[in-house]
């Protein structure tokens, strides 16, 4: 299979957490972050540090 995006991340958004699954050429990593501002900023910093270039998000949309 051809690699289209070598540094990408999938986000599963829940009410209280983000589950971030990143796929890098060096392997996969799954991390959980809070949906509060500090968790969001931590997730952004982590993805930038890992060289993530693309993100896909999934959410059920329940309130």
Protein backbone atom coordinates (compact mmCIF):
# COMPACT_ATOMS: atom_id res chain seq x y z
CA UNK A 1 0.00 0.00 0.00
CA UNK A 2 1.29 3.45 -0.90
CA UNK A 3 1.94 5.87 1.97
CA UNK A 4 0.03 9.09 1.29
CA UNK A 5 0.58 10.92 4.60
CA UNK A 6 3.58 9.69 6.56
CA UNK A 7 3.04 11.86 9.65
CA UNK A 8 -0.67 11.93 10.47
CA UNK A 9 -2.98 11.64 13.46
CA UNK A 10 -6.55 10.51 14.04
CA UNK A 11 -8.53 12.14 16.84
CA UNK A 12 -11.50 10.55 18.54
CA UNK A 13 -13.25 13.34 20.42
CA UNK A 14 -15.19 12.50 23.57
CA UNK A 15 -16.85 14.74 26.14
CA UNK A 16 -13.87 14.75 28.52
CA UNK A 17 -10.97 13.34 26.48
CA UNK A 18 -9.30 13.30 23.08
CA UNK A 19 -7.79 10.00 21.98
CA UNK A 20 -4.96 10.78 19.58
CA UNK A 21 -3.60 7.96 17.47
CA UNK A 22 -0.59 9.06 15.47
CA UNK A 23 0.95 7.10 12.64
CA UNK A 24 4.55 7.90 11.94
CA UNK A 25 7.10 6.11 9.82
CA UNK A 26 8.74 5.01 13.08
CA UNK A 27 5.54 3.39 14.37
CA UNK A 28 2.20 4.11 15.98
CA UNK A 29 1.41 5.88 19.22
CA UNK A 30 -1.86 6.34 21.11
CA UNK A 31 -2.20 9.09 23.72
CA UNK A 32 -5.14 10.42 25.73
CA UNK A 33 -5.55 14.13 26.43
CA UNK A 34 -8.09 16.14 28.38
CA UNK A 35 -10.57 18.29 26.44
CA UNK A 36 -9.76 21.17 28.78
CA UNK A 37 -7.50 23.92 27.39
CA UNK A 38 -4.33 22.57 29.01
CA UNK A 39 -4.96 19.13 27.50
CA UNK A 40 -5.66 20.60 24.08
CA UNK A 41 -2.47 22.66 24.15
CA UNK A 42 -0.50 19.64 25.35
CA UNK A 43 -1.89 17.57 22.46
CA UNK A 44 -0.99 20.26 19.92
CA UNK A 45 2.55 20.51 21.30
CA UNK A 46 2.95 16.72 21.22
CA UNK A 47 1.74 16.43 17.63
CA UNK A 48 4.01 19.27 16.51
CA UNK A 49 6.97 17.67 18.28
CA UNK A 50 6.24 14.39 16.48
CA UNK A 51 6.13 16.19 13.11
CA UNK A 52 2.43 15.56 12.50
CA UNK A 53 1.30 17.26 9.28
CA UNK A 54 -2.32 16.07 8.94
CA UNK A 55 -5.13 15.38 11.42
CA UNK A 56 -8.49 13.65 10.90
CA UNK A 57 -11.17 14.08 13.57
CA UNK A 58 -14.15 11.91 14.51
CA UNK A 59 -16.86 12.84 16.97
CA UNK A 60 -20.31 11.47 17.67
CA UNK A 61 -21.68 14.95 18.21
CA UNK A 62 -23.58 14.18 21.40
CA UNK A 63 -23.96 17.00 23.89
